[in-house]
């Protein structure tokens, strides 16, 4: 299962679904470390800078939402991007 790059949680779910075998994640982790299988390392991509979305003129772009509260009663919401 590690060839498919599955972590302990996914291995636990597949064992339960395929073989109806309930093992804790800690037990699965112990078996993997006993067999010298390195744990999966997930890397998160860190954004260095954010792009601000701004318009030159206020009200140039407006996002509107309509919500029906009751028959004949509507709520209108507008957000100025």
N, C-alpha and C. Protein backbone atom coordinates (compact mmCIF):
# COMPACT_ATOMS: atom_id res chain seq x y z
N UNK A 1 0.82 -1.19 0.00
CA UNK A 1 0.00 0.00 0.00
C UNK A 1 0.86 1.25 0.00
N UNK A 2 2.09 1.14 0.49
CA UNK A 2 2.94 2.32 0.54
C UNK A 2 3.42 2.71 -0.85
N UNK A 3 3.40 1.75 -1.80
CA UNK A 3 3.76 2.10 -3.18
C UNK A 3 2.78 3.11 -3.74
N UNK A 4 1.55 3.09 -3.24
CA UNK A 4 0.54 4.05 -3.66
C UNK A 4 0.61 5.33 -2.83
N UNK A 5 1.61 5.46 -1.96
CA UNK A 5 1.83 6.62 -1.11
C UNK A 5 0.62 6.90 -0.22
N UNK A 6 0.20 5.88 0.52
CA UNK A 6 -0.90 6.04 1.45
C UNK A 6 -0.35 6.26 2.85
N UNK A 7 -1.00 7.13 3.59
CA UNK A 7 -0.63 7.37 4.97
C UNK A 7 -1.35 6.40 5.88
N UNK A 8 -1.12 6.55 7.19
CA UNK A 8 -1.71 5.62 8.15
C UNK A 8 -3.23 5.70 8.15
N UNK A 9 -3.77 6.89 8.00
CA UNK A 9 -5.24 7.04 8.03
C UNK A 9 -5.88 6.36 6.82
N UNK A 10 -5.29 6.52 5.65
CA UNK A 10 -5.86 5.87 4.46
C UNK A 10 -5.66 4.37 4.49
N UNK A 11 -4.53 3.91 5.02
CA UNK A 11 -4.32 2.47 5.16
C UNK A 11 -5.37 1.90 6.12
N UNK A 12 -5.64 2.62 7.20
CA UNK A 12 -6.65 2.19 8.17
C UNK A 12 -8.02 2.09 7.50
N UNK A 13 -8.38 3.08 6.69
CA UNK A 13 -9.68 3.06 6.01
C UNK A 13 -9.76 1.92 4.99
N UNK A 14 -8.69 1.68 4.26
CA UNK A 14 -8.72 0.59 3.28
C UNK A 14 -8.79 -0.78 3.94
N UNK A 15 -8.07 -0.96 5.05
CA UNK A 15 -8.15 -2.23 5.77
C UNK A 15 -9.57 -2.47 6.27
N UNK A 16 -10.21 -1.43 6.76
CA UNK A 16 -11.59 -1.55 7.26
C UNK A 16 -12.55 -1.87 6.12
N UNK A 17 -12.40 -1.17 4.99
CA UNK A 17 -13.32 -1.34 3.88
C UNK A 17 -13.10 -2.66 3.14
N UNK A 18 -11.85 -3.00 2.84
CA UNK A 18 -11.56 -4.17 2.02
C UNK A 18 -11.59 -5.48 2.82
N UNK A 19 -11.03 -5.46 4.04
CA UNK A 19 -10.84 -6.70 4.79
C UNK A 19 -11.62 -6.74 6.10
N UNK A 20 -12.39 -5.71 6.41
CA UNK A 20 -13.16 -5.61 7.64
C UNK A 20 -12.26 -5.83 8.86
N UNK A 21 -11.08 -5.21 8.82
CA UNK A 21 -10.08 -5.33 9.88
C UNK A 21 -9.89 -3.97 10.53
N UNK A 22 -10.11 -3.88 11.84
CA UNK A 22 -9.99 -2.61 12.55
C UNK A 22 -8.67 -2.55 13.30
N UNK A 23 -7.78 -1.69 12.85
CA UNK A 23 -6.51 -1.45 13.53
C UNK A 23 -6.39 0.04 13.80
N UNK A 24 -5.76 0.38 14.91
CA UNK A 24 -5.57 1.80 15.21
C UNK A 24 -4.46 2.35 14.33
N UNK A 25 -4.45 3.67 14.19
CA UNK A 25 -3.41 4.31 13.39
C UNK A 25 -2.04 4.11 14.03
N UNK A 26 -2.00 4.07 15.36
CA UNK A 26 -0.74 3.86 16.06
C UNK A 26 -0.16 2.48 15.75
N UNK A 27 -1.03 1.46 15.70
CA UNK A 27 -0.58 0.10 15.37
C UNK A 27 -0.03 0.05 13.95
N UNK A 28 -0.72 0.69 13.03
CA UNK A 28 -0.26 0.72 11.64
C UNK A 28 1.08 1.45 11.55
N UNK A 29 1.22 2.53 12.30
CA UNK A 29 2.48 3.27 12.33
C UNK A 29 3.62 2.42 12.89
N UNK A 30 3.35 1.65 13.96
CA UNK A 30 4.37 0.78 14.54
C UNK A 30 4.81 -0.30 13.56
N UNK A 31 3.86 -0.87 12.81
CA UNK A 31 4.19 -1.90 11.82
C UNK A 31 5.04 -1.30 10.71
N UNK A 32 4.70 -0.10 10.27
CA UNK A 32 5.47 0.54 9.20
C UNK A 32 6.89 0.87 9.66
N UNK A 33 7.04 1.39 10.88
CA UNK A 33 8.38 1.73 11.36
C UNK A 33 9.20 0.47 11.65
N UNK A 34 8.55 -0.61 12.08
CA UNK A 34 9.25 -1.87 12.33
C UNK A 34 9.82 -2.44 11.03
N UNK A 35 9.13 -2.20 9.92
CA UNK A 35 9.58 -2.68 8.62
C UNK A 35 10.39 -1.63 7.86
N UNK A 36 10.88 -0.62 8.57
CA UNK A 36 11.73 0.44 8.01
C UNK A 36 11.08 1.18 6.85
N UNK A 37 9.80 1.45 6.96
CA UNK A 37 9.10 2.25 5.96
C UNK A 37 9.02 3.67 6.52
N UNK A 38 9.58 4.61 5.79
CA UNK A 38 9.61 5.98 6.27
C UNK A 38 8.22 6.60 6.20
N UNK A 39 7.89 7.47 7.15
CA UNK A 39 6.58 8.12 7.11
C UNK A 39 6.50 9.10 5.95
N UNK A 40 5.27 9.31 5.49
CA UNK A 40 5.07 10.26 4.40
C UNK A 40 5.28 11.67 4.92
N UNK A 41 5.94 12.47 4.13
CA UNK A 41 6.16 13.86 4.49
C UNK A 41 5.43 14.71 3.47
N UNK A 42 4.49 15.49 3.96
CA UNK A 42 3.76 16.38 3.06
C UNK A 42 4.37 17.77 3.16
N UNK A 43 4.63 18.35 2.03
CA UNK A 43 5.18 19.69 2.01
C UNK A 43 4.09 20.66 1.60
N UNK A 44 3.99 21.73 2.33
CA UNK A 44 3.02 22.76 2.01
C UNK A 44 3.72 23.88 1.25
N UNK A 45 3.05 24.33 0.23
CA UNK A 45 3.60 25.43 -0.55
C UNK A 45 3.26 26.74 0.15
N UNK A 46 4.27 27.51 0.43
CA UNK A 46 4.08 28.78 1.13
C UNK A 46 4.11 29.90 0.11
N UNK A 47 3.08 30.71 0.13
CA UNK A 47 3.04 31.86 -0.77
C UNK A 47 3.89 32.98 -0.18
N UNK A 48 4.73 33.54 -1.01
CA UNK A 48 5.61 34.60 -0.53
C UNK A 48 4.90 35.94 -0.45
N UNK A 49 4.02 36.20 -1.40
CA UNK A 49 3.30 37.46 -1.37
C UNK A 49 1.89 37.24 -1.89
N UNK A 50 0.99 38.06 -1.43
CA UNK A 50 -0.39 37.97 -1.85
C UNK A 50 -0.68 39.07 -2.86
N UNK A 51 -1.50 38.74 -3.84
CA UNK A 51 -1.92 39.74 -4.80
C UNK A 51 -3.21 40.38 -4.29
N UNK A 52 -3.17 41.67 -4.10
CA UNK A 52 -4.36 42.40 -3.67
C UNK A 52 -5.21 42.72 -4.89
N UNK A 53 -6.50 42.48 -4.75
CA UNK A 53 -7.43 42.78 -5.83
C UNK A 53 -8.11 44.10 -5.50
N UNK A 54 -7.76 45.13 -6.21
CA UNK A 54 -8.33 46.45 -5.97
C UNK A 54 -8.73 47.08 -7.29
N UNK A 55 -9.76 47.87 -7.23
CA UNK A 55 -10.20 48.65 -8.38
C UNK A 55 -9.90 50.12 -8.10
N UNK A 56 -9.67 50.86 -9.17
CA UNK A 56 -9.29 52.27 -9.01
C UNK A 56 -10.46 53.11 -8.51
N UNK A 57 -11.67 52.81 -8.97
CA UNK A 57 -12.85 53.60 -8.61
C UNK A 57 -13.75 52.77 -7.70
N UNK A 58 -14.15 53.31 -6.52
CA UNK A 58 -15.07 52.57 -5.66
C UNK A 58 -16.40 52.32 -6.37
N UNK A 59 -16.92 51.12 -6.23
CA UNK A 59 -18.18 50.76 -6.87
C UNK A 59 -18.02 50.30 -8.31
N UNK A 60 -16.78 50.19 -8.78
CA UNK A 60 -16.54 49.77 -10.16
C UNK A 60 -16.94 48.30 -10.35
N UNK A 61 -16.76 47.53 -9.32
CA UNK A 61 -17.14 46.12 -9.38
C UNK A 61 -17.87 45.76 -8.09
N UNK A 62 -19.10 45.29 -8.21
CA UNK A 62 -19.93 44.97 -7.05
C UNK A 62 -20.39 43.53 -7.16
N UNK A 63 -20.33 42.82 -6.05
CA UNK A 63 -20.83 41.46 -5.98
C UNK A 63 -22.18 41.50 -5.26
N UNK A 64 -23.22 40.94 -5.90
CA UNK A 64 -24.56 40.98 -5.32
C UNK A 64 -25.05 39.58 -5.02
N UNK A 65 -25.84 39.47 -3.95
CA UNK A 65 -26.40 38.19 -3.55
C UNK A 65 -27.86 38.42 -3.18
N UNK A 66 -28.71 37.47 -3.56
CA UNK A 66 -30.13 37.54 -3.25
C UNK A 66 -30.52 36.29 -2.47
N UNK A 67 -31.25 36.48 -1.38
CA UNK A 67 -31.68 35.36 -0.55
C UNK A 67 -33.18 35.48 -0.30
N UNK A 68 -33.92 34.42 -0.60
CA UNK A 68 -35.37 34.42 -0.35
C UNK A 68 -35.60 34.00 1.09
N UNK A 69 -36.15 34.90 1.89
CA UNK A 69 -36.38 34.64 3.31
C UNK A 69 -37.73 33.98 3.53
N UNK A 70 -38.76 34.52 2.91
CA UNK A 70 -40.12 33.99 3.01
C UNK A 70 -40.82 34.32 1.69
N UNK A 71 -42.02 33.79 1.46
CA UNK A 71 -42.72 34.14 0.22
C UNK A 71 -42.92 35.65 0.10
N UNK A 72 -42.36 36.21 -0.94
CA UNK A 72 -42.49 37.65 -1.19
C UNK A 72 -41.48 38.50 -0.44
N UNK A 73 -40.61 37.91 0.38
CA UNK A 73 -39.62 38.68 1.14
C UNK A 73 -38.23 38.22 0.72
N UNK A 74 -37.44 39.17 0.21
CA UNK A 74 -36.09 38.88 -0.27
C UNK A 74 -35.09 39.76 0.45
N UNK A 75 -33.89 39.24 0.63
CA UNK A 75 -32.79 40.02 1.19
C UNK A 75 -31.76 40.21 0.10
N UNK A 76 -31.37 41.45 -0.14
CA UNK A 76 -30.36 41.77 -1.13
C UNK A 76 -29.10 42.24 -0.41
N UNK A 77 -27.96 41.68 -0.78
CA UNK A 77 -26.69 42.05 -0.17
C UNK A 77 -25.73 42.41 -1.29
N UNK A 78 -25.06 43.55 -1.14
CA UNK A 78 -24.07 43.98 -2.13
C UNK A 78 -22.75 44.22 -1.42
N UNK A 79 -21.67 43.71 -2.03
CA UNK A 79 -20.32 43.89 -1.48
C UNK A 79 -19.49 44.56 -2.55
N UNK A 80 -18.85 45.65 -2.17
CA UNK A 80 -17.97 46.37 -3.09
C UNK A 80 -16.60 45.72 -3.03
N UNK A 81 -16.21 45.09 -4.15
CA UNK A 81 -14.88 44.47 -4.21
C UNK A 81 -13.88 45.57 -4.27
